[in-house]
Amino acid sequence: MRILVVSLYYEPDRCQSNGPIIRALCDDWAAAGHEVTVLTSFPHYNRDSVWPEYRGRLFQRDRVGDVRVIRSYIYVPRERSSAGRIFNYLSFNISSTLAGLFAGQQDVIFVMSPPLTIGLTAFALGLIKRIPYCYNLQDIWPEVAVRLGMLRGRRTIRFFERLEKFIYRHSRKIFAISEEFKTNLRGKGVVEDKIEVIPNFADADFIRPMTKANAFSQAHELTDKYVVLYAGNIGLSQGLEVILDAATHLRDRSEIVFLIVGQGARRNALVAEAERRGLENVRFLPLQPESDLPLIYASCDVALIPLRRGIIENSVPCKTYNIMAAGRPYIASVDPGSTVWKLTDAAGCGLCIEPEDGKALAEAVSQLQSEPAMAQAMGSNGRQYVTRHFAREAITDRYRVALESLVESQPAPVGEVARSASLSSE
């Protein structure tokens, strides 16, 4: 099977959420004997420009392991704005579509959102190559953007809502990462047979329980502290001000440290606010190498999964599975009844509180600190649950089987039929 993957980010771009997922999918499909080609942009994640070594060109061919990669131009705005973001996405739509025209013939297209507009590249290439495309839904747009205030104006919102329905209508298969996503799609008129729920996953061999006294914790003087960790994108949807609120409540507890690791649009503002409040119990570290991720999680006593109110039904944080794989308990600040809340209850791997409630977060931290046996049991429960239900190999294999079934059910293109007939007559 020849798979064409379209993703805004790919190795070595260090996208904190979707990056490891798409890399694992491609690596595992290639290991299973399939030919995988990735269309992606030049590395630029959380930068105000493309990496220097990729500038001054339109396309570049590359290989990452057994995967063929074609990188293409993308406009990167120096200042963050809705218009800049739209031009950023559309520039990649144009360049990746052109790159796809010279990528050879494939059997199926797999496109990973966000952004929503990436579905336009899949549609155009599917039409030209006469092959189906599948849409992997990691976030539900434009709903998230509207709730976060990133999209405004009735006409603008209406345009993106129509675009969303267009992409869903023309995709042959939509992979949703939760039952809540599936319900959302059905409410928008997507037929149930088109939707397949496949959750995200953790590489439980890579991220595993480790001792807290490791190279990372020692380098950052965390070994003797009670570490409350947030690792990931520092953006609008996370609402990380709740961490500062909790730290304010616990500022007299010198043994407790809130550690925020990552980059994102809200990082500078969050650092400035922590300084304004004089919060000496909050530390910030930049985005760390992916290879250090197991050590980062091992360095904490409890991890955080914060989201703003009303966001969780449109987004399922990938970090949830990584925290579970690391054998650490977590505190999820999410809406009741959400996927993460249900998962936490089923696995017994953490505590859930209402979103945007700093006092409740502080109380949950204090509870886990005062009951180490309970916290340890939660971490162990999470590890066992994720290895049974969300192991990398099992999930990537489900995608592979779904793509193979889709390709096998498609009639061969006219050119392929003629070629097969010619070969059989020789």
Protein backbone atom coordinates (compact mmCIF):
# COMPACT_ATOMS: atom_id res chain seq x y z
CA MET A 1 0.00 0.00 0.00
CA ARG A 2 1.28 3.46 -0.91
CA ILE A 3 0.25 6.08 1.66
CA LEU A 4 0.50 9.83 1.15
CA VAL A 5 0.49 11.63 4.50
CA VAL A 6 -0.17 15.37 4.77
CA SER A 7 0.88 16.98 8.05
CA LEU A 8 1.78 20.56 8.89
CA TYR A 9 4.61 19.35 11.14
CA TYR A 10 7.06 16.48 10.88
CA GLU A 11 10.45 15.56 12.26
CA PRO A 12 12.66 17.49 13.00
CA ASP A 13 9.94 20.08 13.77
CA ARG A 14 9.26 19.81 17.49
CA CYS A 15 5.49 20.09 17.60
CA GLN A 16 4.57 19.10 21.14
CA SER A 17 1.24 17.44 20.46
CA ASN A 18 0.70 15.95 17.00
CA GLY A 19 4.37 15.62 16.05
CA PRO A 20 5.17 12.39 17.94
CA ILE A 21 1.82 10.88 16.88
CA ILE A 22 2.28 11.34 13.13
CA ARG A 23 5.92 10.22 13.31
CA ALA A 24 4.95 7.02 15.12
CA LEU A 25 2.15 6.28 12.65
CA CYS A 26 4.43 6.72 9.65
CA ASP A 27 7.28 4.72 11.16
CA ASP A 28 5.01 1.81 12.07
CA TRP A 29 3.29 1.76 8.67
CA ALA A 30 6.67 1.75 6.94
CA ALA A 31 7.88 -1.03 9.25
CA ALA A 32 4.80 -3.04 8.20
CA GLY A 33 6.02 -2.90 4.60
CA HIS A 34 4.03 0.03 3.24
CA GLU A 35 5.47 2.88 1.17
CA VAL A 36 4.95 6.11 3.11
CA THR A 37 5.44 9.60 1.69
CA VAL A 38 4.93 12.67 3.90
CA LEU A 39 4.10 16.16 2.64
CA THR A 40 5.04 18.66 5.32
CA SER A 41 6.26 22.21 5.81
CA PHE A 42 9.76 23.45 6.50
CA PRO A 43 10.39 23.31 10.28
CA HIS A 44 9.02 26.42 11.99
CA TYR A 45 7.02 25.37 15.06
CA ASN A 46 6.90 28.12 17.69
CA ARG A 47 9.36 30.25 15.71
CA ASP A 48 8.86 33.57 13.92
CA SER A 49 10.55 32.15 10.81
CA VAL A 50 11.55 28.92 9.09
CA TRP A 51 14.70 27.28 10.45
CA PRO A 52 17.77 28.96 8.82
CA GLU A 53 19.00 25.79 7.09
CA TYR A 54 15.69 25.48 5.18
CA ARG A 55 15.29 29.06 4.00
CA GLY A 56 15.58 30.27 0.42
CA ARG A 57 13.96 27.28 -1.26
CA LEU A 58 10.50 26.07 -2.22
CA PHE A 59 10.86 22.32 -1.79
CA GLN A 60 13.25 19.81 -0.29
CA ARG A 61 13.24 16.03 -0.47
CA ASP A 62 14.38 14.11 2.57
CA ARG A 63 14.21 10.75 4.32
CA VAL A 64 13.43 10.20 7.99
CA GLY A 65 14.08 6.55 8.70
CA ASP A 66 12.15 4.54 6.12
CA VAL A 67 9.77 7.40 5.36
CA ARG A 68 10.15 9.64 2.32
CA VAL A 69 9.56 13.29 3.25
CA ILE A 70 8.86 16.22 0.92
CA ARG A 71 9.06 19.58 2.68
CA SER A 72 7.62 22.73 1.15
CA TYR A 73 7.46 26.47 1.65
CA ILE A 74 5.34 28.02 4.38
CA TYR A 75 4.78 31.67 5.26
CA VAL A 76 5.60 32.29 8.93
CA PRO A 77 4.26 35.59 10.34
CA ARG A 78 6.50 37.47 12.75
CA GLU A 79 3.52 38.61 14.80
CA ARG A 80 0.68 36.35 15.87
CA SER A 81 -2.70 37.33 14.45
CA SER A 82 -5.73 35.64 12.92
CA ALA A 83 -4.80 36.94 9.46
CA GLY A 84 -1.21 35.79 9.87
CA ARG A 85 -2.34 32.34 10.94
CA ILE A 86 -4.68 32.03 7.93
CA PHE A 87 -1.89 33.04 5.50
CA ASN A 88 0.40 30.59 7.27
CA TYR A 89 -2.03 27.73 6.67
CA LEU A 90 -2.99 28.70 3.11
CA SER A 91 0.64 29.07 2.01
CA PHE A 92 1.22 25.47 3.04
CA ASN A 93 -1.97 24.37 1.28
CA ILE A 94 -0.66 25.77 -2.00
CA SER A 95 2.94 24.57 -1.68
CA SER A 96 2.05 21.09 -0.39
CA THR A 97 -0.49 20.58 -3.18
CA LEU A 98 2.18 21.45 -5.74
CA ALA A 99 4.65 19.15 -4.01
CA GLY A 100 2.08 16.36 -4.02
CA LEU A 101 1.73 16.56 -7.78
CA PHE A 102 5.35 15.39 -8.11
CA ALA A 103 5.27 12.84 -5.30
CA GLY A 104 4.36 9.88 -7.51
CA GLN A 105 1.21 7.80 -7.33
CA GLN A 106 -0.33 6.62 -4.06
CA ASP A 107 -3.31 4.52 -3.04
CA VAL A 108 -4.71 6.63 -0.21
CA ILE A 109 -4.17 9.99 1.49
CA PHE A 110 -4.03 10.36 5.27
CA VAL A 111 -4.28 13.96 6.48
CA MET A 112 -3.82 15.06 10.09
CA SER A 113 -5.60 18.10 11.49
CA PRO A 114 -5.25 20.78 12.69
CA PRO A 115 -5.35 23.02 10.79
CA LEU A 116 -8.77 22.54 9.24
CA THR A 117 -7.54 23.98 5.93
CA ILE A 118 -5.13 21.09 5.48
CA GLY A 119 -8.14 19.11 4.28
CA LEU A 120 -8.14 21.27 1.12
CA THR A 121 -4.76 19.83 0.13
CA ALA A 122 -6.06 16.31 0.64
CA PHE A 123 -9.19 17.05 -1.38
CA ALA A 124 -7.26 18.57 -4.31
CA LEU A 125 -4.67 15.80 -4.44
CA GLY A 126 -7.32 13.12 -4.04
CA LEU A 127 -9.24 14.59 -6.95
CA ILE A 128 -6.16 14.79 -9.18
CA LYS A 129 -4.75 11.39 -8.25
CA ARG A 130 -8.21 9.76 -8.14
CA ILE A 131 -7.65 8.27 -4.70
CA PRO A 132 -9.60 8.66 -1.44
CA TYR A 133 -8.46 10.74 1.50
CA CYS A 134 -8.97 10.11 5.20
CA TYR A 135 -9.18 12.92 7.73
CA ASN A 136 -7.69 12.49 11.20
CA LEU A 137 -9.53 14.75 13.63
CA GLN A 138 -7.30 15.85 16.53
CA ASP A 139 -9.20 19.08 17.30
CA ILE A 140 -12.62 20.20 16.17
CA TRP A 141 -12.30 23.43 14.24
CA PRO A 142 -13.59 26.08 13.89
CA GLU A 143 -15.39 25.54 17.21
CA VAL A 144 -12.21 25.69 19.29
CA ALA A 145 -11.04 28.84 17.51
CA VAL A 146 -14.41 30.53 18.05
CA ARG A 147 -14.52 29.67 21.76
CA LEU A 148 -10.98 30.95 22.24
CA GLY A 149 -11.73 34.18 20.38
CA MET A 150 -9.28 33.38 17.58
CA LEU A 151 -12.04 33.59 14.97
CA ARG A 152 -14.47 36.49 15.04
CA GLY A 153 -17.14 37.87 12.77
CA ARG A 154 -20.24 36.07 11.59
CA ARG A 155 -19.12 35.84 7.98
CA THR A 156 -15.66 34.52 8.85
CA ILE A 157 -17.06 31.91 11.20
CA ARG A 158 -19.69 30.88 8.69
CA PHE A 159 -17.03 30.46 5.99
CA PHE A 160 -14.99 28.09 8.15
CA GLU A 161 -18.09 26.17 9.21
CA ARG A 162 -18.89 25.58 5.54
CA LEU A 163 -15.30 24.58 4.89
CA GLU A 164 -15.49 22.09 7.77
CA LYS A 165 -18.60 20.45 6.31
CA PHE A 166 -17.03 20.40 2.83
CA ILE A 167 -13.96 18.55 4.08
CA TYR A 168 -16.04 16.06 6.07
CA ARG A 169 -18.37 15.46 3.13
CA HIS A 170 -15.60 14.63 0.68
CA SER A 171 -13.42 12.55 3.00
CA ARG A 172 -13.83 8.81 2.59
CA LYS A 173 -13.13 8.17 6.26
CA ILE A 174 -12.91 10.34 9.37
CA PHE A 175 -10.83 9.09 12.28
CA ALA A 176 -12.12 10.63 15.52
CA ILE A 177 -10.07 10.33 18.70
CA SER A 178 -13.03 10.05 21.09
CA GLU A 179 -16.71 9.16 21.27
CA GLU A 180 -17.42 12.83 22.05
CA PHE A 181 -15.84 13.78 18.74
CA LYS A 182 -18.01 11.20 17.00
CA THR A 183 -21.13 12.65 18.61
CA ASN A 184 -20.07 16.12 17.46
CA LEU A 185 -19.63 14.88 13.88
CA ARG A 186 -22.98 13.10 13.82
CA GLY A 187 -24.62 16.32 15.00
CA LYS A 188 -23.19 17.99 11.91
CA GLY A 189 -24.73 15.42 9.60
CA VAL A 190 -21.73 13.12 9.08
CA VAL A 191 -22.96 9.58 8.46
CA GLU A 192 -21.94 7.12 11.15
CA ASP A 193 -20.39 4.62 8.72
CA LYS A 194 -17.81 7.24 7.75
CA ILE A 195 -16.59 7.75 11.32
CA GLU A 196 -14.17 5.43 13.11
CA VAL A 197 -13.09 6.17 16.67
CA ILE A 198 -9.40 5.46 17.26
CA PRO A 199 -7.86 7.11 20.34
CA ASN A 200 -4.39 8.54 20.59
CA PHE A 201 -1.69 6.50 22.26
CA ALA A 202 1.51 6.44 24.25
CA ASP A 203 4.77 4.72 23.47
CA ALA A 204 4.91 2.77 26.70
CA ASP A 205 8.35 1.37 25.87
CA PHE A 206 9.79 4.87 25.48
CA ILE A 207 7.90 6.59 28.32
CA ARG A 208 7.96 4.37 31.38
CA PRO A 209 8.15 4.71 35.18
CA MET A 210 11.59 5.89 36.26
CA THR A 211 13.20 7.13 39.45
CA LYS A 212 12.74 10.77 40.36
CA ALA A 213 16.44 11.15 41.08
CA ASN A 214 17.54 11.35 37.45
CA ALA A 215 19.77 13.58 35.33
CA PHE A 216 16.97 16.06 34.53
CA SER A 217 15.73 16.53 38.11
CA GLN A 218 19.27 16.83 39.43
CA ALA A 219 20.24 19.38 36.78
CA HIS A 220 17.26 21.57 37.71
CA GLU A 221 17.40 20.96 41.48
CA LEU A 222 14.04 19.22 41.65
CA THR A 223 14.94 16.03 43.51
CA ASP A 224 14.05 17.37 46.95
CA LYS A 225 10.97 19.28 45.84
CA TYR A 226 7.35 18.22 45.45
CA VAL A 227 7.07 18.90 41.72
CA VAL A 228 3.76 19.76 40.04
CA LEU A 229 4.43 19.56 36.31
CA TYR A 230 2.81 21.00 33.24
CA ALA A 231 4.60 19.96 30.04
CA GLY A 232 3.22 20.93 26.65
CA ASN A 233 1.97 23.78 24.54
CA ILE A 234 1.50 27.06 26.38
CA GLY A 235 -1.44 28.37 24.39
CA LEU A 236 -4.90 29.81 24.76
CA SER A 237 -6.87 26.59 25.18
CA GLN A 238 -4.90 25.40 28.22
CA GLY A 239 -5.79 28.36 30.42
CA LEU A 240 -2.55 28.04 32.37
CA GLU A 241 -3.41 31.05 34.53
CA VAL A 242 -5.08 28.46 36.78
CA ILE A 243 -1.60 27.17 37.64
CA LEU A 244 -0.55 30.63 38.77
CA ASP A 245 -3.74 30.88 40.84
CA ALA A 246 -2.96 27.55 42.54
CA ALA A 247 0.66 28.61 43.10
CA THR A 248 -0.60 31.80 44.73
CA HIS A 249 -2.66 29.74 47.18
CA LEU A 250 0.38 27.55 47.98
CA ARG A 251 3.10 30.21 47.92
CA ASP A 252 3.96 29.59 51.60
CA ARG A 253 4.62 25.88 50.95
CA SER A 254 8.29 26.14 49.98
CA GLU A 255 8.60 22.41 49.26
CA ILE A 256 6.05 22.63 46.39
CA VAL A 257 7.26 23.78 42.98
CA PHE A 258 5.09 24.32 39.91
CA LEU A 259 7.18 23.52 36.83
CA ILE A 260 5.96 24.68 33.40
CA VAL A 261 7.89 23.21 30.46
CA GLY A 262 7.19 24.23 26.88
CA GLN A 263 6.65 27.02 24.40
CA GLY A 264 3.58 28.71 22.97
CA ALA A 265 1.70 31.91 22.29
CA ARG A 266 0.94 32.59 25.97
CA ARG A 267 4.35 31.83 27.45
CA ASN A 268 5.71 35.37 27.66
CA ALA A 269 2.48 36.69 29.16
CA LEU A 270 2.43 33.86 31.70
CA VAL A 271 6.05 34.50 32.72
CA ALA A 272 5.32 38.21 33.12
CA GLU A 273 2.25 37.50 35.26
CA ALA A 274 4.18 35.11 37.50
CA GLU A 275 6.85 37.79 37.99
CA ARG A 276 4.20 40.42 38.70
CA ARG A 277 2.74 38.21 41.43
CA GLY A 278 6.19 37.45 42.82
CA LEU A 279 5.64 33.69 42.56
CA GLU A 280 8.95 32.11 43.52
CA ASN A 281 7.31 28.67 43.50
CA VAL A 282 6.75 28.73 39.73
CA ARG A 283 9.54 27.84 37.33
CA PHE A 284 9.60 27.94 33.55
CA LEU A 285 11.73 25.86 31.21
CA PRO A 286 11.76 26.04 27.41
CA LEU A 287 10.74 23.17 25.17
CA GLN A 288 13.05 20.23 25.88
CA PRO A 289 14.39 17.55 23.52
CA GLU A 290 11.90 14.75 22.95
CA SER A 291 14.50 12.28 24.17
CA ASP A 292 14.24 13.84 27.65
CA LEU A 293 10.49 13.38 27.93
CA PRO A 294 10.67 10.22 30.11
CA LEU A 295 13.05 12.01 32.50
CA ILE A 296 10.83 15.10 32.66
CA TYR A 297 7.78 13.10 33.69
CA ALA A 298 9.85 11.02 36.11
CA SER A 299 10.98 14.25 37.79
CA CYS A 300 7.46 15.20 38.86
CA ASP A 301 5.26 13.98 41.68
CA VAL A 302 2.04 14.92 39.95
CA ALA A 303 1.31 16.18 36.43
CA LEU A 304 -1.36 18.64 35.28
CA ILE A 305 -3.88 18.50 32.42
CA PRO A 306 -5.54 21.94 32.43
CA LEU A 307 -8.02 23.18 29.82
CA ARG A 308 -10.34 26.13 29.68
CA ARG A 309 -14.02 25.58 30.29
CA GLY A 310 -15.91 24.21 27.30
CA ILE A 311 -12.77 23.17 25.37
CA ILE A 312 -12.39 19.51 26.34
CA GLU A 313 -15.29 18.29 24.19
CA ASN A 314 -13.39 19.65 21.20
CA SER A 315 -9.91 18.55 22.28
CA VAL A 316 -8.32 15.55 24.02
CA PRO A 317 -4.80 16.32 25.30
CA CYS A 318 -2.22 13.79 24.06
CA LYS A 319 -0.21 14.32 27.24
CA THR A 320 -2.84 12.34 29.17
CA TYR A 321 -1.56 9.03 27.82
CA ASN A 322 2.10 9.98 28.28
CA ILE A 323 1.53 10.85 31.94
CA MET A 324 -0.19 7.51 32.47
CA ALA A 325 2.66 5.68 30.71
CA ALA A 326 5.14 7.41 33.04
CA GLY A 327 3.32 6.00 36.06
CA ARG A 328 2.56 9.41 37.55
CA PRO A 329 -0.83 10.58 38.88
CA TYR A 330 -2.39 13.65 37.34
CA ILE A 331 -4.85 16.40 38.15
CA ALA A 332 -7.15 17.18 35.24
CA SER A 333 -8.86 20.54 35.24
CA VAL A 334 -11.57 19.63 32.74
CA ASP A 335 -15.31 19.68 32.19
CA PRO A 336 -17.36 16.99 33.98
CA GLY A 337 -18.44 14.21 31.62
CA SER A 338 -15.55 14.82 29.23
CA THR A 339 -13.39 12.04 27.79
CA VAL A 340 -10.56 12.75 30.22
CA TRP A 341 -12.92 12.79 33.21
CA LYS A 342 -14.43 9.45 32.16
CA LEU A 343 -10.99 7.97 31.53
CA THR A 344 -9.79 9.09 34.95
CA ASP A 345 -12.75 7.43 36.65
CA ALA A 346 -12.31 4.22 34.66
CA ALA A 347 -8.57 3.92 35.27
CA GLY A 348 -8.39 5.40 38.78
CA CYS A 349 -5.28 7.29 37.73
CA GLY A 350 -5.83 10.84 39.01
CA LEU A 351 -8.13 13.56 40.26
CA CYS A 352 -10.53 15.70 38.22
CA ILE A 353 -11.62 19.19 39.15
CA GLU A 354 -13.66 21.93 37.49
CA PRO A 355 -11.77 24.06 34.96
CA GLU A 356 -10.28 27.47 35.82
CA ASP A 357 -10.50 26.93 39.60
CA GLY A 358 -7.15 27.73 41.17
CA LYS A 359 -8.29 27.04 44.72
CA ALA A 360 -9.58 23.57 43.77
CA LEU A 361 -6.29 22.85 42.01
CA ALA A 362 -4.30 23.89 45.06
CA GLU A 363 -6.46 21.65 47.27
CA ALA A 364 -5.99 18.70 44.91
CA VAL A 365 -2.20 19.18 44.96
CA SER A 366 -2.25 19.27 48.76
CA GLN A 367 -4.39 16.12 48.88
CA LEU A 368 -2.02 14.11 46.70
CA GLN A 369 1.00 15.36 48.61
CA SER A 370 -0.53 14.35 51.93
CA GLU A 371 -1.55 10.90 50.67
CA PRO A 372 1.53 9.48 48.88
CA ALA A 373 0.20 5.90 48.93
CA MET A 374 -2.91 7.00 47.03
CA ALA A 375 -0.84 8.99 44.56
CA GLN A 376 1.45 6.03 43.95
CA ALA A 377 -1.54 3.72 43.39
CA MET A 378 -2.99 6.18 40.87
CA GLY A 379 0.28 6.25 38.96
CA SER A 380 0.45 2.47 38.89
CA ASN A 381 -3.18 2.24 37.78
CA GLY A 382 -2.53 4.65 34.93
CA ARG A 383 0.48 2.71 33.70
CA GLN A 384 -1.41 -0.58 33.69
CA TYR A 385 -4.43 0.96 31.95
CA VAL A 386 -2.48 2.67 29.18
CA THR A 387 -0.47 -0.46 28.34
CA ARG A 388 -3.71 -2.45 28.04
CA HIS A 389 -5.78 0.07 26.08
CA PHE A 390 -3.55 2.73 24.47
CA ALA A 391 -0.30 1.02 23.50
CA ARG A 392 1.36 2.49 20.43
CA GLU A 393 1.59 -0.70 18.37
CA ALA A 394 -2.07 -1.63 18.87
CA ILE A 395 -3.36 1.82 17.90
CA THR A 396 -1.12 2.35 14.85
CA ASP A 397 -2.10 -1.12 13.70
CA ARG A 398 -5.79 -0.18 13.86
CA TYR A 399 -5.11 2.74 11.53
CA ARG A 400 -3.13 0.48 9.20
CA VAL A 401 -5.91 -2.08 8.98
CA ALA A 402 -8.50 0.66 8.33
CA LEU A 403 -6.41 2.12 5.49
CA GLU A 404 -5.77 -1.30 3.97
CA SER A 405 -9.49 -2.11 4.02
CA LEU A 406 -10.29 1.20 2.38
CA VAL A 407 -7.74 0.66 -0.40
CA GLU A 408 -8.88 -2.93 -1.01
CA SER A 409 -12.47 -1.76 -1.41
CA GLN A 410 -11.57 0.81 -4.09
CA PRO A 411 -11.70 -0.04 -7.82
CA ALA A 412 -8.27 0.18 -9.44
CA PRO A 413 -7.64 3.30 -11.58
CA VAL A 414 -8.01 2.83 -15.33
CA GLY A 415 -4.24 3.03 -15.84
CA GLU A 416 -3.60 0.35 -13.25
CA VAL A 417 -6.21 -1.96 -14.80
CA ALA A 418 -4.66 -1.56 -18.23
CA ARG A 419 -1.18 -2.17 -16.84
CA SER A 420 -2.29 -5.33 -15.03
CA ALA A 421 -3.98 -6.64 -18.19
CA SER A 422 -0.81 -5.98 -20.21
CA LEU A 423 1.35 -7.82 -17.71
CA SER A 424 -1.02 -10.80 -17.54
CA SER A 425 -0.95 -11.19 -21.33
CA GLU A 426 2.84 -11.36 -21.53
